[in-house]
Amino acid sequence: MIVYMKTTNPRPKSTLIVCPAREGADSVEFRDKSGEPIQFQVVFTNGRAEVSSNLGRWMVDKGYGTSLILPAQKLINAFRRPTHGTQGNIHR
């Protein structure tokens, strides 16, 4: 599953360390053979990471990521309406 960072300005590379079993997730995938919780190192490259379906759904449910691509901040600014009394980003 592809998971995206919840930001409009992702860094070229970011790492998020998560431990779903410590937060109540009880999937076998989130524990080692002895039953201890496993930590996952999720590496986002340009705001995108590929993870297992279970981990991806857990990250989206907990708010650590999204399954939707967020538009870049430059694109948001280009379509932003000017605030009262300013010209904003209007090009003539």
C-alpha atoms as a PDB file:
ATOM      1  CA  MET A   1       0.000   0.000   0.000  1.00  0.00           C
ATOM      2  CA  ILE A   2       1.204   3.510  -0.775  1.00  0.00           C
ATOM      3  CA  VAL A   3       0.918   5.997   2.101  1.00  0.00           C
ATOM      4  CA  TYR A   4       1.520   9.722   1.764  1.00  0.00           C
ATOM      5  CA  MET A   5       2.653  12.187   4.413  1.00  0.00           C
ATOM      6  CA  LYS A   6       0.005  14.575   5.646  1.00  0.00           C
ATOM      7  CA  THR A   7       1.833  17.675   4.457  1.00  0.00           C
ATOM      8  CA  THR A   8       1.829  19.843   1.381  1.00  0.00           C
ATOM      9  CA  ASN A   9       5.604  20.407   1.549  1.00  0.00           C
ATOM     10  CA  PRO A  10       7.226  16.996   2.083  1.00  0.00           C
ATOM     11  CA  ARG A  11      10.967  16.742   2.608  1.00  0.00           C
ATOM     12  CA  PRO A  12      12.999  14.731   0.106  1.00  0.00           C
ATOM     13  CA  LYS A  13      13.378  11.983   2.727  1.00  0.00           C
ATOM     14  CA  SER A  14      11.672  11.546   6.114  1.00  0.00           C
ATOM     15  CA  THR A  15      11.558   8.625   8.523  1.00  0.00           C
ATOM     16  CA  LEU A  16       8.675   7.832  10.850  1.00  0.00           C
ATOM     17  CA  ILE A  17       9.074   5.141  13.522  1.00  0.00           C
ATOM     18  CA  VAL A  18       5.801   3.524  14.595  1.00  0.00           C
ATOM     19  CA  CYS A  19       4.859   0.659  16.885  1.00  0.00           C
ATOM     20  CA  PRO A  20       1.210  -0.257  16.255  1.00  0.00           C
ATOM     21  CA  ALA A  21       1.113  -3.051  18.856  1.00  0.00           C
ATOM     22  CA  ARG A  22       1.977  -0.595  21.638  1.00  0.00           C
ATOM     23  CA  GLU A  23      -0.987   1.530  20.575  1.00  0.00           C
ATOM     24  CA  GLY A  24      -3.470  -1.309  20.787  1.00  0.00           C
ATOM     25  CA  ALA A  25      -3.280  -2.886  17.302  1.00  0.00           C
ATOM     26  CA  ASP A  26      -3.473  -6.638  17.748  1.00  0.00           C
ATOM     27  CA  SER A  27      -2.486  -7.952  14.311  1.00  0.00           C
ATOM     28  CA  VAL A  28       0.032 -10.819  14.330  1.00  0.00           C
ATOM     29  CA  GLU A  29       2.028  -8.819  11.784  1.00  0.00           C
ATOM     30  CA  PHE A  30       2.776  -6.198  14.456  1.00  0.00           C
ATOM     31  CA  ARG A  31       4.425  -8.663  16.906  1.00  0.00           C
ATOM     32  CA  ASP A  32       7.497 -10.886  16.721  1.00  0.00           C
ATOM     33  CA  LYS A  33       7.507 -14.658  17.353  1.00  0.00           C
ATOM     34  CA  SER A  34       7.701 -14.176  21.118  1.00  0.00           C
ATOM     35  CA  GLY A  35       4.733 -11.772  21.093  1.00  0.00           C
ATOM     36  CA  GLU A  36       6.754  -8.594  21.612  1.00  0.00           C
ATOM     37  CA  PRO A  37       5.707  -5.438  19.716  1.00  0.00           C
ATOM     38  CA  ILE A  38       7.686  -4.640  16.557  1.00  0.00           C
ATOM     39  CA  GLN A  39       8.799  -1.121  15.648  1.00  0.00           C
ATOM     40  CA  PHE A  40       8.514  -0.186  11.986  1.00  0.00           C
ATOM     41  CA  GLN A  41      10.716   2.371  10.297  1.00  0.00           C
ATOM     42  CA  VAL A  42       8.628   3.982   7.549  1.00  0.00           C
ATOM     43  CA  VAL A  43      10.793   5.912   5.094  1.00  0.00           C
ATOM     44  CA  PHE A  44       8.976   8.545   3.068  1.00  0.00           C
ATOM     45  CA  THR A  45      10.684   9.663  -0.140  1.00  0.00           C
ATOM     46  CA  ASN A  46       9.217  12.913  -1.441  1.00  0.00           C
ATOM     47  CA  GLY A  47       6.216  12.346   0.819  1.00  0.00           C
ATOM     48  CA  ARG A  48       5.504   8.762  -0.317  1.00  0.00           C
ATOM     49  CA  ALA A  49       6.147   5.390   1.362  1.00  0.00           C
ATOM     50  CA  GLU A  50       5.267   1.827   0.438  1.00  0.00           C
ATOM     51  CA  VAL A  51       4.171  -0.328   3.380  1.00  0.00           C
ATOM     52  CA  SER A  52       2.110  -3.486   3.960  1.00  0.00           C
ATOM     53  CA  SER A  53      -1.670  -3.128   3.672  1.00  0.00           C
ATOM     54  CA  ASN A  54      -2.205  -3.681   7.422  1.00  0.00           C
ATOM     55  CA  LEU A  55       0.400  -1.107   8.411  1.00  0.00           C
ATOM     56  CA  GLY A  56      -0.854   1.368   5.810  1.00  0.00           C
ATOM     57  CA  ARG A  57      -4.469   1.112   6.974  1.00  0.00           C
ATOM     58  CA  TRP A  58      -3.354   1.480  10.600  1.00  0.00           C
ATOM     59  CA  MET A  59      -1.276   4.587   9.736  1.00  0.00           C
ATOM     60  CA  VAL A  60      -4.216   6.176   7.889  1.00  0.00           C
ATOM     61  CA  ASP A  61      -6.662   5.307  10.710  1.00  0.00           C
ATOM     62  CA  LYS A  62      -4.332   6.816  13.337  1.00  0.00           C
ATOM     63  CA  GLY A  63      -3.612   9.941  11.260  1.00  0.00           C
ATOM     64  CA  TYR A  64       0.066   9.207  10.593  1.00  0.00           C
ATOM     65  CA  GLY A  65      -0.492   9.309   6.842  1.00  0.00           C
ATOM     66  CA  THR A  66      -3.086   9.500   4.116  1.00  0.00           C
ATOM     67  CA  SER A  67      -3.938   7.351   1.136  1.00  0.00           C
ATOM     68  CA  LEU A  68      -4.578  10.493  -0.931  1.00  0.00           C
ATOM     69  CA  ILE A  69      -1.920  12.683  -2.522  1.00  0.00           C
ATOM     70  CA  LEU A  70      -2.034  16.204  -1.114  1.00  0.00           C
ATOM     71  CA  PRO A  71      -1.399  19.020  -3.610  1.00  0.00           C
ATOM     72  CA  ALA A  72       1.909  20.875  -3.392  1.00  0.00           C
ATOM     73  CA  GLN A  73       1.871  24.188  -1.515  1.00  0.00           C
ATOM     74  CA  LYS A  74       2.809  26.055  -4.732  1.00  0.00           C
ATOM     75  CA  LEU A  75      -0.333  24.724  -6.405  1.00  0.00           C
ATOM     76  CA  ILE A  76      -2.479  25.680  -3.409  1.00  0.00           C
ATOM     77  CA  ASN A  77      -1.061  29.214  -3.439  1.00  0.00           C
ATOM     78  CA  ALA A  78      -1.705  29.582  -7.178  1.00  0.00           C
ATOM     79  CA  PHE A  79      -5.441  29.007  -6.710  1.00  0.00           C
ATOM     80  CA  ARG A  80      -5.875  30.776  -3.384  1.00  0.00           C
ATOM     81  CA  ARG A  81      -8.303  33.675  -3.457  1.00  0.00           C
ATOM     82  CA  PRO A  82      -6.833  37.025  -2.467  1.00  0.00           C
ATOM     83  CA  THR A  83      -7.620  38.160   1.042  1.00  0.00           C
ATOM     84  CA  HIS A  84      -9.615  41.316   1.634  1.00  0.00           C
ATOM     85  CA  GLY A  85      -7.729  44.417   0.486  1.00  0.00           C
ATOM     86  CA  THR A  86      -4.822  42.654  -1.277  1.00  0.00           C
ATOM     87  CA  GLN A  87      -4.114  41.489  -4.801  1.00  0.00           C
ATOM     88  CA  GLY A  88      -2.825  38.075  -3.699  1.00  0.00           C
ATOM     89  CA  ASN A  89      -1.404  35.926  -6.505  1.00  0.00           C
ATOM     90  CA  ILE A  90      -3.412  37.430  -9.358  1.00  0.00           C
ATOM     91  CA  HIS A  91      -1.417  37.678 -12.598  1.00  0.00           C
ATOM     92  CA  ARG A  92      -2.545  40.080 -15.301  1.00  0.00           C
END
